[in-house]
Structure formats: structure tokens, C-alpha cells
Amino acid sequence: MSEYRAQKELKPKVEDIARELLDEEKLENVLDFFEFLKSNKLTPRWYTSDSWVVKYKNKTVCKIKLNWMPRASDKGNFWGIYSAPFTRENWFENYDSYITDDGLKGFIWDHINPPHGCSQQGGTVRCKGWPDVTILGKTYKAVCGCHSLVVKNPDGKTLEYAKEFVLVIKTFIADLAVAGQA
């Protein structure tokens, strides 16, 4: 049996993997985020060997990744919150009425992910991003087409804004469902 298949059958808990990979502060923050998700009826489900997906009404809200093989630009092991395909297809144009707080807007602007050659669909297609994207009134030359918003190792106020953003997405999905569009 392949290692991937063996891991898939085990469906590891984030707590177990996080305790092996992250230092105390990062561990505390990722566990706090998972508790926040669960308390808002957003149960993370194992997705791949190092990530969990968060869904609401069968739409992906975000993915959480624990990375033990960071790129050179990263400082050690990290955990991150990644926007999902549902998010990127809808929020560029439709979230303005949901995000009115300047602090939350600043958080989003600070975490827009530029294209960096990430792979889609099993690594066969390289992300070239989207050119000239306007997000909440600010224009970017290019934004990653895989994960438009990425937050690595959030703590303090950044973690609180990440939680607020997740609740915005949940509300947006609920509103779409009521309107019959989700």
C-alpha cells in the first residue's frame, strides 16, 4: 500500500501532526483556530497528508496546511490558512458589502498571494495567476489563481482577522444558499 493511501486511511488529526511539527506558539495558535472553526460549526476534515479542508453547505471555505518542508523564504515549519477555489471565484467581486471594516480590508490586502508557480491538479499545470485584479478597491498586477489569499503562522490580531474573514465567507455562502445560488 502506498504511503499516501496509508495516510488517507488513517486520517490524522491536526493536533497530532501539529504537535510534531510546530513550536509552542504556533501550536497554540493552530489549535485555537481549529477550536474556533469547530465552535462555528465548521469542522475541518482531513484532505491530504498535510492539509485539512473546511466546508460549509458543501462549499470550501478554506484549507489549513501544516508544512514541514518550507520554501527558502519561510522560516521553519509553518501552518497556514489558504483561500479555496470557491472563495477566489466569488469574493473578488462579491464581498465588498460583507467587508466594510478597514482593519479587515487591510488584513486581506496584506495577505493577497502573488503567483509563484504553484501547481494545480496534481502538479501538471503551473499557476500563472490572474492579471490586474481589483480586490476591495485595490488593484494588483497579478494574484495567484490557486490560493488568492494565504496567511502563514497567524497570531494575535492577524489570527482574529483570519477568523473574521472565515465568518464572512460562511455568511456569504449562507446568503448564496438562501438565494438559491450555492
Protein backbone atom coordinates (compact mmCIF):
# COMPACT_ATOMS: atom_id res chain seq x y z
CA MET A 1 0.00 0.00 0.00
CA SER A 2 1.36 3.46 -0.87
CA GLU A 3 2.34 5.86 1.92
CA TYR A 4 -0.32 8.34 0.70
CA ARG A 5 -3.03 5.69 0.80
CA ALA A 6 -1.94 4.56 4.26
CA GLN A 7 -2.11 8.16 5.49
CA LYS A 8 -5.51 8.63 3.88
CA GLU A 9 -6.87 5.61 5.69
CA LEU A 10 -5.51 6.92 8.99
CA LYS A 11 -6.90 10.44 8.51
CA PRO A 12 -4.59 12.04 11.06
CA LYS A 13 -5.82 14.67 13.47
CA VAL A 14 -4.30 18.10 13.14
CA GLU A 15 -3.44 18.06 16.83
CA ASP A 16 -1.22 15.01 16.40
CA ILE A 17 0.69 16.34 13.40
CA ALA A 18 0.91 19.89 14.75
CA ARG A 19 2.47 18.70 18.00
CA GLU A 20 5.25 17.03 15.99
CA LEU A 21 5.92 19.97 13.66
CA LEU A 22 5.26 23.29 15.34
CA ASP A 23 6.82 25.19 18.17
CA GLU A 24 4.69 26.04 21.20
CA GLU A 25 3.38 29.41 20.00
CA LYS A 26 2.45 28.17 16.52
CA LEU A 27 0.85 25.06 18.03
CA GLU A 28 -1.24 27.16 20.40
CA ASN A 29 -2.46 29.34 17.51
CA VAL A 30 -3.33 26.50 15.14
CA LEU A 31 -5.22 24.69 17.91
CA ASP A 32 -7.04 27.93 18.76
CA PHE A 33 -8.03 28.32 15.11
CA PHE A 34 -9.33 24.74 14.93
CA GLU A 35 -11.36 25.28 18.10
CA PHE A 36 -12.78 28.48 16.60
CA LEU A 37 -13.80 26.57 13.47
CA LYS A 38 -15.46 23.79 15.45
CA SER A 39 -17.31 26.28 17.68
CA ASN A 40 -18.73 27.85 14.50
CA LYS A 41 -19.86 24.50 13.10
CA LEU A 42 -17.04 24.42 10.57
CA THR A 43 -15.41 21.08 11.20
CA PRO A 44 -12.07 20.67 9.42
CA ARG A 45 -11.79 17.40 7.54
CA TRP A 46 -8.57 15.68 6.57
CA TYR A 47 -7.76 16.45 2.95
CA THR A 48 -4.16 15.46 2.14
CA SER A 49 -1.10 14.34 4.05
CA ASP A 50 -0.56 17.86 5.37
CA SER A 51 -3.86 19.71 4.98
CA TRP A 52 -7.47 19.89 6.14
CA VAL A 53 -10.41 21.36 4.28
CA VAL A 54 -13.17 23.44 5.87
CA LYS A 55 -16.56 23.28 4.16
CA TYR A 56 -19.90 24.90 4.74
CA LYS A 57 -23.01 23.89 2.82
CA ASN A 58 -20.72 21.75 0.65
CA LYS A 59 -18.62 24.77 -0.42
CA THR A 60 -14.98 25.05 0.58
CA VAL A 61 -14.39 27.93 2.97
CA CYS A 62 -10.62 27.45 3.27
CA LYS A 63 -7.85 24.92 3.66
CA ILE A 64 -5.43 24.66 6.55
CA LYS A 65 -1.98 23.35 5.84
CA LEU A 66 0.82 22.21 8.13
CA ASN A 67 4.07 22.45 6.26
CA TRP A 68 7.21 20.71 7.31
CA MET A 69 9.05 21.39 4.07
CA PRO A 70 9.09 25.19 3.83
CA ARG A 71 10.49 27.12 0.90
CA ALA A 72 13.64 29.15 1.42
CA SER A 73 11.55 32.27 2.08
CA ASP A 74 9.82 30.60 5.05
CA LYS A 75 11.42 30.48 8.46
CA GLY A 76 10.98 26.93 9.72
CA ASN A 77 7.87 24.80 9.82
CA PHE A 78 4.62 26.69 9.48
CA TRP A 79 0.88 26.39 9.37
CA GLY A 80 -1.25 28.41 7.03
CA ILE A 81 -4.78 29.30 6.03
CA TYR A 82 -5.34 29.18 2.27
CA SER A 83 -8.31 30.51 0.34
CA ALA A 84 -10.16 27.94 -1.70
CA PRO A 85 -11.35 27.83 -5.32
CA PHE A 86 -14.90 28.75 -4.26
CA THR A 87 -13.52 31.77 -2.47
CA ARG A 88 -11.44 33.12 -5.33
CA GLU A 89 -14.25 32.72 -7.86
CA ASN A 90 -16.63 34.80 -5.80
CA TRP A 91 -15.00 37.14 -3.38
CA PHE A 92 -13.12 39.46 -5.71
CA GLU A 93 -16.35 40.93 -6.95
CA ASN A 94 -18.96 40.00 -4.37
CA TYR A 95 -17.53 40.55 -0.89
CA ASP A 96 -17.47 44.35 -0.82
CA SER A 97 -20.75 44.59 1.09
CA TYR A 98 -19.54 41.97 3.59
CA ILE A 99 -16.18 43.57 4.31
CA THR A 100 -16.58 47.13 5.47
CA ASP A 101 -14.10 47.18 8.37
CA ASP A 102 -10.84 48.91 7.37
CA GLY A 103 -8.81 46.58 9.60
CA LEU A 104 -10.21 43.51 7.85
CA LYS A 105 -9.62 45.11 4.44
CA GLY A 106 -6.01 45.80 5.41
CA PHE A 107 -5.61 42.21 6.58
CA ILE A 108 -6.89 40.94 3.21
CA TRP A 109 -4.71 43.31 1.20
CA ASP A 110 -1.65 42.27 3.25
CA HIS A 111 -2.24 38.57 2.55
CA ILE A 112 -3.02 38.56 -1.17
CA ASN A 113 -0.86 35.84 -2.68
CA PRO A 114 1.06 36.63 -5.88
CA PRO A 115 1.53 33.84 -8.42
CA HIS A 116 4.64 31.81 -7.64
CA GLY A 117 4.46 28.83 -9.93
CA CYS A 118 2.32 26.67 -7.65
CA SER A 119 0.79 23.60 -9.23
CA GLN A 120 -2.83 22.73 -9.83
CA GLN A 121 -4.43 19.34 -10.35
CA GLY A 122 -1.63 17.06 -9.26
CA GLY A 123 1.17 19.38 -10.29
CA THR A 124 0.53 19.26 -14.03
CA VAL A 125 -0.42 22.89 -14.59
CA ARG A 126 1.60 25.81 -13.29
CA CYS A 127 -0.30 28.75 -11.85
CA LYS A 128 0.21 31.91 -13.84
CA GLY A 129 -2.25 33.87 -11.76
CA TRP A 130 -4.79 36.46 -12.76
CA PRO A 131 -3.59 39.80 -14.13
CA ASP A 132 -4.95 43.14 -12.98
CA VAL A 133 -7.29 42.02 -10.21
CA THR A 134 -9.13 44.57 -8.09
CA ILE A 135 -9.82 43.38 -4.55
CA LEU A 136 -11.87 45.62 -2.26
CA GLY A 137 -10.88 48.68 -4.26
CA LYS A 138 -7.15 47.92 -4.52
CA THR A 139 -5.67 46.71 -7.83
CA TYR A 140 -2.96 44.04 -8.01
CA LYS A 141 -0.84 43.32 -11.09
CA ALA A 142 -1.26 39.57 -10.52
CA VAL A 143 -2.89 37.28 -7.97
CA CYS A 144 -2.34 33.53 -7.55
CA GLY A 145 -5.02 31.54 -9.33
CA CYS A 146 -4.75 28.65 -6.84
CA HIS A 147 -4.88 30.39 -3.46
CA SER A 148 -5.52 34.11 -3.76
CA LEU A 149 -5.19 34.71 -0.02
CA VAL A 150 -2.62 32.96 2.18
CA VAL A 151 -1.97 33.60 5.85
CA LYS A 152 1.07 31.88 7.37
CA ASN A 153 1.55 31.46 11.11
CA PRO A 154 -1.13 33.96 12.13
CA ASP A 155 -1.11 35.13 15.72
CA GLY A 156 -2.63 37.96 17.72
CA LYS A 157 -4.69 40.41 15.67
CA THR A 158 -3.84 38.60 12.41
CA LEU A 159 -5.40 35.41 13.77
CA GLU A 160 -8.50 37.35 14.83
CA TYR A 161 -8.85 38.85 11.35
CA ALA A 162 -8.40 35.39 9.80
CA LYS A 163 -11.30 34.17 11.94
CA GLU A 164 -13.39 37.17 10.94
CA PHE A 165 -12.66 36.50 7.26
CA VAL A 166 -13.76 32.86 7.66
CA LEU A 167 -17.05 34.06 9.18
CA VAL A 168 -17.53 36.45 6.24
CA ILE A 169 -17.12 33.55 3.83
CA LYS A 170 -19.56 31.44 5.86
CA THR A 171 -22.14 34.25 5.80
CA PHE A 172 -21.61 34.77 2.07
CA ILE A 173 -22.19 31.04 1.39
CA ALA A 174 -25.30 31.06 3.58
CA ASP A 175 -26.68 34.07 1.69
CA LEU A 176 -26.00 32.37 -1.64
CA ALA A 177 -27.79 29.27 -0.41
CA VAL A 178 -30.84 31.31 0.61
CA ALA A 179 -30.83 32.98 -2.80
CA GLY A 180 -30.60 29.55 -4.43
CA GLN A 181 -27.22 30.26 -6.00
CA ALA A 182 -24.94 28.00 -3.90
